[in-house]
Amino acid sequence: MWNIANTLTTCRLFLIPIFLVIFYMPDSWAFFVAAFIFWLASITDILDGYLARKLEQSTPVGAFLDPVGDN
């Protein structure tokens, strides 16, 4: 079953390679953009956990993906 919490977790997974590419860019603005992406990923982590509990939408897919996205 797919829900908003799983969607947020999947978005966080897609942010990982984007973060890494921007973090290692030699431009002066890259650290600020990487920090923003990290902040955005952190917010999605908080929000997906809150929504999964609040809306009682815990799924086996979410139980697997959330720890993967946290690493």
PDB file of N, CA and C in Angstrom:
ATOM      1  N   MET A   1       0.847  -1.187   0.000  1.00  0.00           N
ATOM      2  CA  MET A   1       0.000   0.000   0.000  1.00  0.00           C
ATOM      3  C   MET A   1       0.889   1.247   0.000  1.00  0.00           C
ATOM      4  N   TRP A   2       0.558   2.176  -0.850  1.00  0.00           N
ATOM      5  CA  TRP A   2       1.345   3.398  -0.977  1.00  0.00           C
ATOM      6  C   TRP A   2       0.570   4.543  -0.341  1.00  0.00           C
ATOM      7  N   ASN A   3       1.255   5.378   0.428  1.00  0.00           N
ATOM      8  CA  ASN A   3       0.610   6.494   1.092  1.00  0.00           C
ATOM      9  C   ASN A   3       1.562   7.689   1.126  1.00  0.00           C
ATOM     10  N   ILE A   4       1.146   8.765   1.762  1.00  0.00           N
ATOM     11  CA  ILE A   4       1.941   9.991   1.779  1.00  0.00           C
ATOM     12  C   ILE A   4       3.263   9.795   2.516  1.00  0.00           C
ATOM     13  N   ALA A   5       3.265   9.010   3.582  1.00  0.00           N
ATOM     14  CA  ALA A   5       4.508   8.770   4.325  1.00  0.00           C
ATOM     15  C   ALA A   5       5.523   8.024   3.459  1.00  0.00           C
ATOM     16  N   ASN A   6       5.065   7.026   2.715  1.00  0.00           N
ATOM     17  CA  ASN A   6       5.972   6.295   1.824  1.00  0.00           C
ATOM     18  C   ASN A   6       6.462   7.187   0.686  1.00  0.00           C
ATOM     19  N   THR A   7       5.618   8.078   0.222  1.00  0.00           N
ATOM     20  CA  THR A   7       6.022   9.010  -0.829  1.00  0.00           C
ATOM     21  C   THR A   7       7.115   9.943  -0.333  1.00  0.00           C
ATOM     22  N   LEU A   8       6.969  10.456   0.881  1.00  0.00           N
ATOM     23  CA  LEU A   8       8.000  11.322   1.455  1.00  0.00           C
ATOM     24  C   LEU A   8       9.321  10.568   1.640  1.00  0.00           C
ATOM     25  N   THR A   9       9.238   9.328   2.067  1.00  0.00           N
ATOM     26  CA  THR A   9      10.449   8.519   2.241  1.00  0.00           C
ATOM     27  C   THR A   9      11.128   8.291   0.901  1.00  0.00           C
ATOM     28  N   THR A  10      10.352   8.016  -0.135  1.00  0.00           N
ATOM     29  CA  THR A  10      10.915   7.815  -1.467  1.00  0.00           C
ATOM     30  C   THR A  10      11.565   9.093  -1.986  1.00  0.00           C
ATOM     31  N   CYS A  11      10.944  10.223  -1.737  1.00  0.00           N
ATOM     32  CA  CYS A  11      11.551  11.502  -2.126  1.00  0.00           C
ATOM     33  C   CYS A  11      12.880  11.698  -1.424  1.00  0.00           C
ATOM     34  N   ARG A  12      12.953  11.321  -0.154  1.00  0.00           N
ATOM     35  CA  ARG A  12      14.203  11.438   0.597  1.00  0.00           C
ATOM     36  C   ARG A  12      15.279  10.546  -0.007  1.00  0.00           C
ATOM     37  N   LEU A  13      14.905   9.372  -0.477  1.00  0.00           N
ATOM     38  CA  LEU A  13      15.870   8.484  -1.122  1.00  0.00           C
ATOM     39  C   LEU A  13      16.424   9.109  -2.402  1.00  0.00           C
ATOM     40  N   PHE A  14      15.577   9.805  -3.154  1.00  0.00           N
ATOM     41  CA  PHE A  14      16.034  10.457  -4.379  1.00  0.00           C
ATOM     42  C   PHE A  14      16.891  11.683  -4.101  1.00  0.00           C
ATOM     43  N   LEU A  15      16.773  12.259  -2.923  1.00  0.00           N
ATOM     44  CA  LEU A  15      17.592  13.416  -2.567  1.00  0.00           C
ATOM     45  C   LEU A  15      19.038  13.035  -2.239  1.00  0.00           C
ATOM     46  N   ILE A  16      19.283  11.787  -1.890  1.00  0.00           N
ATOM     47  CA  ILE A  16      20.627  11.369  -1.485  1.00  0.00           C
ATOM     48  C   ILE A  16      21.659  11.580  -2.593  1.00  0.00           C
ATOM     49  N   PRO A  17      21.445  11.059  -3.811  1.00  0.00           N
ATOM     50  CA  PRO A  17      22.475  11.287  -4.842  1.00  0.00           C
ATOM     51  C   PRO A  17      22.588  12.757  -5.247  1.00  0.00           C
ATOM     52  N   ILE A  18      21.491  13.485  -5.207  1.00  0.00           N
ATOM     53  CA  ILE A  18      21.543  14.908  -5.526  1.00  0.00           C
ATOM     54  C   ILE A  18      22.383  15.638  -4.492  1.00  0.00           C
ATOM     55  N   PHE A  19      22.178  15.304  -3.228  1.00  0.00           N
ATOM     56  CA  PHE A  19      22.974  15.895  -2.160  1.00  0.00           C
ATOM     57  C   PHE A  19      24.461  15.609  -2.363  1.00  0.00           C
ATOM     58  N   LEU A  20      24.795  14.363  -2.644  1.00  0.00           N
ATOM     59  CA  LEU A  20      26.201  13.994  -2.799  1.00  0.00           C
ATOM     60  C   LEU A  20      26.868  14.719  -3.962  1.00  0.00           C
ATOM     61  N   VAL A  21      26.193  14.813  -5.082  1.00  0.00           N
ATOM     62  CA  VAL A  21      26.768  15.498  -6.240  1.00  0.00           C
ATOM     63  C   VAL A  21      27.009  16.968  -5.927  1.00  0.00           C
ATOM     64  N   ILE A  22      26.023  17.611  -5.338  1.00  0.00           N
ATOM     65  CA  ILE A  22      26.171  19.042  -5.043  1.00  0.00           C
ATOM     66  C   ILE A  22      27.194  19.277  -3.944  1.00  0.00           C
ATOM     67  N   PHE A  23      27.233  18.412  -2.943  1.00  0.00           N
ATOM     68  CA  PHE A  23      28.180  18.570  -1.848  1.00  0.00           C
ATOM     69  C   PHE A  23      29.629  18.553  -2.337  1.00  0.00           C
ATOM     70  N   TYR A  24      29.925  17.716  -3.311  1.00  0.00           N
ATOM     71  CA  TYR A  24      31.289  17.588  -3.804  1.00  0.00           C
ATOM     72  C   TYR A  24      31.618  18.522  -4.969  1.00  0.00           C
ATOM     73  N   MET A  25      30.698  19.370  -5.351  1.00  0.00           N
ATOM     74  CA  MET A  25      30.998  20.348  -6.393  1.00  0.00           C
ATOM     75  C   MET A  25      31.968  21.397  -5.847  1.00  0.00           C
ATOM     76  N   PRO A  26      32.882  21.889  -6.677  1.00  0.00           N
ATOM     77  CA  PRO A  26      33.869  22.843  -6.190  1.00  0.00           C
ATOM     78  C   PRO A  26      33.381  24.295  -6.132  1.00  0.00           C
ATOM     79  N   ASP A  27      32.116  24.534  -6.379  1.00  0.00           N
ATOM     80  CA  ASP A  27      31.576  25.895  -6.377  1.00  0.00           C
ATOM     81  C   ASP A  27      31.339  26.390  -4.956  1.00  0.00           C
ATOM     82  N   SER A  28      31.392  27.700  -4.789  1.00  0.00           N
ATOM     83  CA  SER A  28      31.228  28.289  -3.455  1.00  0.00           C
ATOM     84  C   SER A  28      29.795  28.160  -2.937  1.00  0.00           C
ATOM     85  N   TRP A  29      28.831  28.079  -3.802  1.00  0.00           N
ATOM     86  CA  TRP A  29      27.428  27.991  -3.388  1.00  0.00           C
ATOM     87  C   TRP A  29      27.003  26.564  -3.060  1.00  0.00           C
ATOM     88  N   ALA A  30      27.835  25.584  -3.405  1.00  0.00           N
ATOM     89  CA  ALA A  30      27.440  24.179  -3.290  1.00  0.00           C
ATOM     90  C   ALA A  30      27.147  23.778  -1.849  1.00  0.00           C
ATOM     91  N   PHE A  31      27.931  24.293  -0.891  1.00  0.00           N
ATOM     92  CA  PHE A  31      27.694  23.909   0.500  1.00  0.00           C
ATOM     93  C   PHE A  31      26.343  24.415   1.009  1.00  0.00           C
ATOM     94  N   PHE A  32      25.938  25.594   0.564  1.00  0.00           N
ATOM     95  CA  PHE A  32      24.650  26.136   0.992  1.00  0.00           C
ATOM     96  C   PHE A  32      23.489  25.334   0.402  1.00  0.00           C
ATOM     97  N   VAL A  33      23.615  24.969  -0.850  1.00  0.00           N
ATOM     98  CA  VAL A  33      22.570  24.160  -1.488  1.00  0.00           C
ATOM     99  C   VAL A  33      22.534  22.767  -0.872  1.00  0.00           C
ATOM    100  N   ALA A  34      23.702  22.193  -0.616  1.00  0.00           N
ATOM    101  CA  ALA A  34      23.755  20.878   0.025  1.00  0.00           C
ATOM    102  C   ALA A  34      23.144  20.928   1.429  1.00  0.00           C
ATOM    103  N   ALA A  35      23.402  22.009   2.153  1.00  0.00           N
ATOM    104  CA  ALA A  35      22.809  22.157   3.488  1.00  0.00           C
ATOM    105  C   ALA A  35      21.285  22.258   3.390  1.00  0.00           C
ATOM    106  N   PHE A  36      20.779  22.965   2.378  1.00  0.00           N
ATOM    107  CA  PHE A  36      19.335  23.068   2.193  1.00  0.00           C
ATOM    108  C   PHE A  36      18.733  21.704   1.857  1.00  0.00           C
ATOM    109  N   ILE A  37      19.393  20.942   1.001  1.00  0.00           N
ATOM    110  CA  ILE A  37      18.895  19.607   0.644  1.00  0.00           C
ATOM    111  C   ILE A  37      18.902  18.708   1.874  1.00  0.00           C
ATOM    112  N   PHE A  38      19.941  18.804   2.685  1.00  0.00           N
ATOM    113  CA  PHE A  38      19.998  18.017   3.919  1.00  0.00           C
ATOM    114  C   PHE A  38      18.855  18.414   4.853  1.00  0.00           C
ATOM    115  N   TRP A  39      18.604  19.708   4.976  1.00  0.00           N
ATOM    116  CA  TRP A  39      17.502  20.195   5.807  1.00  0.00           C
ATOM    117  C   TRP A  39      16.172  19.664   5.281  1.00  0.00           C
ATOM    118  N   LEU A  40      15.978  19.717   3.963  1.00  0.00           N
ATOM    119  CA  LEU A  40      14.741  19.230   3.354  1.00  0.00           C
ATOM    120  C   LEU A  40      14.556  17.736   3.616  1.00  0.00           C
ATOM    121  N   ALA A  41      15.621  16.979   3.498  1.00  0.00           N
ATOM    122  CA  ALA A  41      15.545  15.545   3.779  1.00  0.00           C
ATOM    123  C   ALA A  41      15.212  15.301   5.249  1.00  0.00           C
ATOM    124  N   SER A  42      15.760  16.111   6.130  1.00  0.00           N
ATOM    125  CA  SER A  42      15.466  15.972   7.562  1.00  0.00           C
ATOM    126  C   SER A  42      14.000  16.254   7.853  1.00  0.00           C
ATOM    127  N   ILE A  43      13.465  17.275   7.218  1.00  0.00           N
ATOM    128  CA  ILE A  43      12.048  17.608   7.406  1.00  0.00           C
ATOM    129  C   ILE A  43      11.157  16.474   6.896  1.00  0.00           C
ATOM    130  N   THR A  44      11.500  15.887   5.746  1.00  0.00           N
ATOM    131  CA  THR A  44      10.681  14.779   5.237  1.00  0.00           C
ATOM    132  C   THR A  44      10.766  13.575   6.167  1.00  0.00           C
ATOM    133  N   ASP A  45      11.912  13.376   6.812  1.00  0.00           N
ATOM    134  CA  ASP A  45      12.042  12.269   7.758  1.00  0.00           C
ATOM    135  C   ASP A  45      11.123  12.475   8.958  1.00  0.00           C
ATOM    136  N   ILE A  46      11.119  13.670   9.481  1.00  0.00           N
ATOM    137  CA  ILE A  46      10.240  13.984  10.616  1.00  0.00           C
ATOM    138  C   ILE A  46       8.776  13.863  10.211  1.00  0.00           C
ATOM    139  N   LEU A  47       8.461  14.432   9.067  1.00  0.00           N
ATOM    140  CA  LEU A  47       7.074  14.478   8.617  1.00  0.00           C
ATOM    141  C   LEU A  47       6.540  13.092   8.271  1.00  0.00           C
ATOM    142  N   ASP A  48       7.334  12.254   7.616  1.00  0.00           N
ATOM    143  CA  ASP A  48       6.803  10.941   7.259  1.00  0.00           C
ATOM    144  C   ASP A  48       6.552  10.082   8.492  1.00  0.00           C
ATOM    145  N   GLY A  49       7.423  10.182   9.487  1.00  0.00           N
ATOM    146  CA  GLY A  49       7.177   9.433  10.721  1.00  0.00           C
ATOM    147  C   GLY A  49       5.938   9.918  11.451  1.00  0.00           C
ATOM    148  N   TYR A  50       5.774  11.224  11.506  1.00  0.00           N
ATOM    149  CA  TYR A  50       4.605  11.798  12.161  1.00  0.00           C
ATOM    150  C   TYR A  50       3.313  11.383  11.442  1.00  0.00           C
ATOM    151  N   LEU A  51       3.306  11.511  10.130  1.00  0.00           N
ATOM    152  CA  LEU A  51       2.098  11.176   9.379  1.00  0.00           C
ATOM    153  C   LEU A  51       1.769   9.692   9.438  1.00  0.00           C
ATOM    154  N   ALA A  52       2.769   8.845   9.381  1.00  0.00           N
ATOM    155  CA  ALA A  52       2.515   7.406   9.447  1.00  0.00           C
ATOM    156  C   ALA A  52       1.868   7.029  10.779  1.00  0.00           C
ATOM    157  N   ARG A  53       2.338   7.647  11.866  1.00  0.00           N
ATOM    158  CA  ARG A  53       1.739   7.351  13.172  1.00  0.00           C
ATOM    159  C   ARG A  53       0.375   8.009  13.339  1.00  0.00           C
ATOM    160  N   LYS A  54       0.285   9.281  12.962  1.00  0.00           N
ATOM    161  CA  LYS A  54      -0.952  10.038  13.149  1.00  0.00           C
ATOM    162  C   LYS A  54      -2.103   9.454  12.326  1.00  0.00           C
ATOM    163  N   LEU A  55      -1.820   9.111  11.074  1.00  0.00           N
ATOM    164  CA  LEU A  55      -2.857   8.594  10.184  1.00  0.00           C
ATOM    165  C   LEU A  55      -2.962   7.069  10.228  1.00  0.00           C
ATOM    166  N   GLU A  56      -2.143   6.443  11.101  1.00  0.00           N
ATOM    167  CA  GLU A  56      -2.116   4.987  11.244  1.00  0.00           C
ATOM    168  C   GLU A  56      -1.919   4.309   9.890  1.00  0.00           C
ATOM    169  N   GLN A  57      -0.881   4.757   9.180  1.00  0.00           N
ATOM    170  CA  GLN A  57      -0.615   4.236   7.843  1.00  0.00           C
ATOM    171  C   GLN A  57       0.743   3.538   7.770  1.00  0.00           C
ATOM    172  N   SER A  58       1.099   2.836   8.801  1.00  0.00           N
ATOM    173  CA  SER A  58       2.351   2.076   8.775  1.00  0.00           C
ATOM    174  C   SER A  58       2.199   0.907   7.812  1.00  0.00           C
ATOM    175  N   THR A  59       3.212   0.710   6.981  1.00  0.00           N
ATOM    176  CA  THR A  59       3.180  -0.373   6.001  1.00  0.00           C
ATOM    177  C   THR A  59       4.510  -1.115   6.035  1.00  0.00           C
ATOM    178  N   PRO A  60       4.529  -2.354   5.546  1.00  0.00           N
ATOM    179  CA  PRO A  60       5.799  -3.079   5.453  1.00  0.00           C
ATOM    180  C   PRO A  60       6.806  -2.372   4.532  1.00  0.00           C
ATOM    181  N   VAL A  61       6.311  -1.748   3.473  1.00  0.00           N
ATOM    182  CA  VAL A  61       7.191  -0.997   2.573  1.00  0.00           C
ATOM    183  C   VAL A  61       7.833   0.162   3.335  1.00  0.00           C
ATOM    184  N   GLY A  62       7.056   0.890   4.095  1.00  0.00           N
ATOM    185  CA  GLY A  62       7.575   2.000   4.881  1.00  0.00           C
ATOM    186  C   GLY A  62       8.546   1.534   5.949  1.00  0.00           C
ATOM    187  N   ALA A  63       8.249   0.400   6.577  1.00  0.00           N
ATOM    188  CA  ALA A  63       9.147  -0.145   7.598  1.00  0.00           C
ATOM    189  C   ALA A  63      10.498  -0.517   7.001  1.00  0.00           C
ATOM    190  N   PHE A  64      10.519  -0.907   5.722  1.00  0.00           N
ATOM    191  CA  PHE A  64      11.776  -1.218   5.061  1.00  0.00           C
ATOM    192  C   PHE A  64      12.474   0.037   4.553  1.00  0.00           C
ATOM    193  N   LEU A  65      11.737   0.941   3.896  1.00  0.00           N
ATOM    194  CA  LEU A  65      12.339   2.098   3.245  1.00  0.00           C
ATOM    195  C   LEU A  65      12.829   3.153   4.215  1.00  0.00           C
ATOM    196  N   ASP A  66      12.157   3.350   5.326  1.00  0.00           N
ATOM    197  CA  ASP A  66      12.542   4.435   6.238  1.00  0.00           C
ATOM    198  C   ASP A  66      13.963   4.272   6.771  1.00  0.00           C
ATOM    199  N   PRO A  67      14.359   3.100   7.253  1.00  0.00           N
ATOM    200  CA  PRO A  67      15.763   2.963   7.685  1.00  0.00           C
ATOM    201  C   PRO A  67      16.751   3.096   6.533  1.00  0.00           C
ATOM    202  N   VAL A  68      16.365   2.663   5.344  1.00  0.00           N
ATOM    203  CA  VAL A  68      17.243   2.816   4.172  1.00  0.00           C
ATOM    204  C   VAL A  68      17.456   4.303   3.889  1.00  0.00           C
ATOM    205  N   GLY A  69      16.384   5.087   3.952  1.00  0.00           N
ATOM    206  CA  GLY A  69      16.490   6.521   3.707  1.00  0.00           C
ATOM    207  C   GLY A  69      17.224   7.259   4.802  1.00  0.00           C
ATOM    208  N   ASP A  70      17.237   6.716   6.000  1.00  0.00           N
ATOM    209  CA  ASP A  70      17.932   7.350   7.111  1.00  0.00           C
ATOM    210  C   ASP A  70      19.443   7.200   7.008  1.00  0.00           C
ATOM    211  N   ASN A  71      19.894   6.197   6.313  1.00  0.00           N
ATOM    212  CA  ASN A  71      21.335   5.986   6.180  1.00  0.00           C
ATOM    213  C   ASN A  71      21.792   6.752   5.015  1.00  0.00           C
TER     214      ASN A  71
END
